[in-house]
Protein backbone atom coordinates (compact mmCIF):
# COMPACT_ATOMS: atom_id res chain seq x y z
CA SER A 1 44.80 -32.48 42.65
CA SER A 2 44.81 -36.21 43.06
CA GLY A 3 48.51 -36.17 44.22
CA ASN A 4 49.14 -37.83 47.45
CA ALA A 5 51.41 -36.18 50.18
CA TYR A 6 53.48 -37.79 52.81
CA GLY A 7 55.49 -35.90 56.43
CA LEU A 8 57.84 -39.15 55.98
CA ARG A 9 57.29 -42.44 53.96
CA ALA A 10 59.64 -45.81 54.44
CA SER A 11 58.78 -49.07 52.57
CA GLY A 12 60.00 -50.60 55.18
CA GLY A 13 59.65 -50.11 58.90
CA ILE A 14 59.87 -46.48 60.56
CA THR A 15 61.37 -45.96 64.16
CA ILE A 16 61.85 -42.72 65.11
CA ASP A 17 63.51 -41.45 68.99
CA ALA A 18 60.88 -39.10 69.46
CA VAL A 19 58.46 -36.43 68.11
CA SER A 20 59.95 -33.57 70.58
CA ALA A 21 57.52 -30.65 72.09
CA THR A 22 58.81 -28.51 69.09
CA GLY A 23 58.84 -31.69 66.34
CA LYS A 24 55.92 -30.53 63.37
CA VAL A 25 54.86 -33.21 60.87
CA THR A 26 52.75 -31.79 58.03
CA ALA A 27 51.33 -33.33 55.05
CA THR A 28 48.37 -31.56 52.91
CA ALA A 29 47.38 -33.27 49.54
CA GLY A 30 44.14 -32.31 47.03
CA ASP A 31 40.71 -33.28 48.05
CA SER A 32 41.12 -36.66 45.38
CA GLY A 33 44.60 -37.25 47.40
CA GLN A 34 45.96 -38.79 50.23
CA ALA A 35 47.76 -37.08 52.87
CA TYR A 36 49.78 -39.27 55.38
CA GLY A 37 51.64 -37.82 58.52
CA LEU A 38 53.79 -40.71 58.81
CA TYR A 39 53.95 -43.68 56.73
CA ALA A 40 55.20 -47.30 56.82
CA ASP A 41 53.67 -49.42 54.15
CA GLY A 42 56.12 -52.06 54.36
CA GLY A 43 56.57 -52.58 58.15
CA SER A 44 55.39 -50.43 61.30
CA ILE A 45 55.92 -47.49 63.05
CA SER A 46 57.83 -47.27 66.96
CA ILE A 47 58.13 -44.05 68.70
CA THR A 48 60.49 -44.99 71.67
CA GLY A 49 60.58 -41.81 73.43
CA GLY A 50 57.32 -40.55 72.74
CA LEU A 51 55.05 -38.41 70.64
CA ALA A 52 55.18 -34.90 71.88
CA GLY A 53 54.87 -32.82 68.97
CA SER A 54 52.45 -32.29 66.26
CA VAL A 55 51.38 -34.49 63.52
CA ALA A 56 48.48 -33.10 60.96
CA ALA A 57 47.32 -34.52 57.89
CA THR A 58 44.76 -32.86 55.26
CA ALA A 59 43.18 -34.52 51.92
CA GLY A 60 41.03 -36.52 50.65
CA ALA A 61 41.62 -39.23 52.71
CA ALA A 62 43.86 -38.22 55.72
CA TYR A 63 46.25 -40.72 58.00
CA GLY A 64 48.07 -39.24 60.90
CA LEU A 65 49.88 -42.23 61.14
CA ARG A 66 49.46 -45.60 59.35
CA ALA A 67 51.50 -48.55 58.94
CA SER A 68 50.96 -51.91 57.45
CA GLY A 69 52.19 -53.32 60.69
CA GLY A 70 51.76 -52.43 64.40
CA VAL A 71 52.23 -48.69 65.86
CA THR A 72 54.21 -48.36 68.85
CA LEU A 73 54.33 -45.26 70.88
CA ALA A 74 55.94 -45.38 74.31
CA SER A 75 53.19 -41.59 75.15
CA LEU A 76 51.77 -39.63 73.01
CA SER A 77 51.12 -35.51 75.15
CA GLY A 78 51.02 -34.17 71.57
CA SER A 79 48.87 -33.95 69.00
CA VAL A 80 47.74 -35.68 66.04
CA ALA A 81 44.95 -34.42 63.54
CA ALA A 82 43.73 -35.92 60.32
CA GLU A 83 40.87 -33.80 58.44
CA GLY A 84 39.66 -36.04 55.16
CA ASP A 85 37.58 -35.38 52.18
CA TYR A 86 35.99 -38.54 52.86
CA ASP A 87 38.18 -40.78 54.94
CA ALA A 88 40.55 -39.59 58.50
CA THR A 89 42.44 -41.91 60.24
CA GLY A 90 44.71 -40.67 63.64
CA LEU A 91 46.51 -43.52 63.92
CA ARG A 92 46.01 -46.49 61.79
CA SER A 93 47.68 -50.48 62.18
CA ASP A 94 46.59 -52.40 58.70
CA SER A 95 47.40 -55.82 59.95
CA SER A 96 48.65 -55.39 63.74
CA SER A 97 48.06 -53.46 66.47
CA ILE A 98 48.32 -49.90 68.13
CA SER A 99 49.93 -50.08 71.77
CA VAL A 100 50.52 -46.49 73.54
CA ILE A 101 52.75 -47.78 76.44
CA GLY A 102 52.33 -44.58 78.77
CA ALA A 103 49.89 -42.28 78.80
CA LEU A 104 48.25 -40.68 75.95
CA SER A 105 47.62 -37.24 77.55
CA GLY A 106 47.47 -35.15 74.11
CA SER A 107 44.47 -35.07 71.30
CA VAL A 108 43.71 -37.58 68.70
CA THR A 109 41.77 -35.53 66.05
CA ALA A 110 39.70 -36.87 62.56
CA LYS A 111 37.62 -35.18 60.74
CA SER A 112 35.87 -35.85 57.32
CA THR A 113 34.45 -33.36 56.07
CA SER A 114 32.31 -34.06 53.10
CA GLU A 115 28.60 -33.91 53.34
CA ASP A 116 28.05 -36.90 51.03
CA LEU A 117 30.01 -39.92 52.92
CA GLY A 118 32.65 -39.60 55.17
CA HIS A 119 33.87 -41.78 57.91
CA ALA A 120 36.16 -40.80 60.43
CA VAL A 121 38.15 -43.02 63.00
CA GLY A 122 40.47 -41.66 65.71
CA LEU A 123 42.83 -45.12 66.55
CA TYR A 124 42.10 -48.15 63.89
CA ALA A 125 44.19 -51.42 64.79
CA ALA A 126 43.14 -54.57 62.88
CA THR A 127 43.86 -56.71 65.76
CA THR A 128 44.40 -55.08 69.61
CA ILE A 129 44.29 -51.44 71.09
CA SER A 130 46.37 -51.11 74.36
CA ILE A 131 46.80 -47.75 75.92
CA GLY A 132 48.68 -47.28 79.53
CA GLU A 133 46.19 -44.59 80.44
CA MET A 134 44.08 -42.22 78.27
CA SER A 135 43.63 -39.03 79.88
CA GLY A 136 43.61 -36.52 76.94
CA THR A 137 41.03 -36.64 74.24
CA ILE A 138 40.36 -38.49 71.06
CA THR A 139 37.63 -36.94 68.81
CA ALA A 140 36.17 -38.65 65.70
CA THR A 141 33.66 -36.76 63.57
CA SER A 142 31.75 -37.63 60.47
CA ALA A 143 30.42 -34.48 58.86
CA ALA A 144 28.46 -36.36 56.06
CA THR A 145 24.55 -35.20 56.51
CA THR A 146 22.97 -36.65 52.98
CA VAL A 147 24.28 -40.29 52.83
CA PRO A 148 25.07 -41.67 56.49
CA GLY A 149 28.90 -41.64 57.39
CA SER A 150 30.39 -43.39 60.43
CA ALA A 151 32.73 -42.85 63.59
CA TYR A 152 34.87 -44.20 65.92
CA GLY A 153 37.01 -42.93 68.88
CA LEU A 154 38.49 -46.44 69.12
CA TYR A 155 38.29 -49.20 66.33
CA ALA A 156 39.66 -52.86 67.26
CA GLY A 157 39.45 -56.47 65.15
CA GLY A 158 40.56 -57.31 68.56
CA ASN A 159 40.85 -56.66 72.51
CA ILE A 160 40.72 -53.45 73.43
CA ASN A 161 42.29 -52.92 76.83
CA GLY A 162 45.35 -51.35 79.13
CA GLY A 163 47.93 -53.45 78.28
CA GLY A 164 46.83 -56.37 80.58
CA ASP A 165 45.25 -54.72 82.97
CA ALA A 166 41.59 -52.20 82.43
CA LEU A 167 42.33 -49.19 80.20
CA LEU A 168 41.44 -46.06 82.33
CA VAL A 169 39.57 -43.58 80.52
CA SER A 170 40.23 -40.09 82.63
CA GLY A 171 39.82 -37.93 79.37
CA ASN A 172 37.48 -37.89 76.81
CA ILE A 173 36.65 -40.62 73.88
CA SER A 174 34.03 -38.89 71.45
CA ALA A 175 32.54 -39.87 68.05
CA ARG A 176 30.22 -38.09 66.57
CA ALA A 177 28.26 -39.22 62.93
CA TYR A 178 24.75 -39.36 60.91
CA GLY A 179 24.98 -42.84 60.85
CA PRO A 180 26.64 -45.68 63.02
CA ALA A 181 28.89 -43.31 65.98
CA TYR A 182 30.69 -45.37 68.66
CA ALA A 183 33.37 -43.57 70.80
CA ILE A 184 34.83 -47.27 71.48
CA TYR A 185 34.01 -50.47 69.42
CA SER A 186 35.53 -53.92 69.55
CA ALA A 187 34.44 -55.96 66.40
CA SER A 188 35.67 -59.04 67.66
CA GLY A 189 37.24 -59.55 71.25
CA ALA A 190 36.86 -57.96 74.91
CA VAL A 191 36.87 -54.22 75.86
CA ASN A 192 38.40 -53.49 79.11
CA LEU A 193 37.61 -50.19 80.44
CA TYR A 194 37.58 -48.09 83.87
CA VAL A 195 35.92 -44.91 83.17
CA THR A 196 36.05 -41.81 85.01
CA GLY A 197 36.12 -39.63 82.05
CA ALA A 198 33.53 -39.36 79.27
CA LEU A 199 32.86 -41.70 76.17
CA GLU A 200 30.55 -39.80 74.22
């Protein structure tokens, strides 16, 4: 099917008090479609009380949380999973930043499944990524083998830090691909980390 699927879509921004531990958002489309767990195509996404539940998207191109503006979470103790045939991104800000004010103690998983070409990114921000503490897991995997794919745990156009201080990474950030694979990548900014966990 070429249709798209949305757990929640807004032409402006999305503001949610919290996604509780029992909360679940799922979007599934066919291999030629796109799926979005939460999609703000004309604004930002803000979860003021944190994301403790689960968000999952599966399609040809899959995005857990995607906003044209910024993505701001009080914390992320739940799970965000995106599985796409050729493109998969856990959290994406098209033109702005991603901020997890507290801890990212849960999991973000992005996996592209095509053997021909696939790209996977855990967190993608056009500008900056700031996380209070990364004690959970972020995994990006491209299954492409015949044509090189790419995988990035964190990808930022600008700076990556802990919101002013160093980002404490006590968890695990990994990227796997037959092609470029970076646990953490900044296209043009500064990266400020304190790592006691693993970057793979």
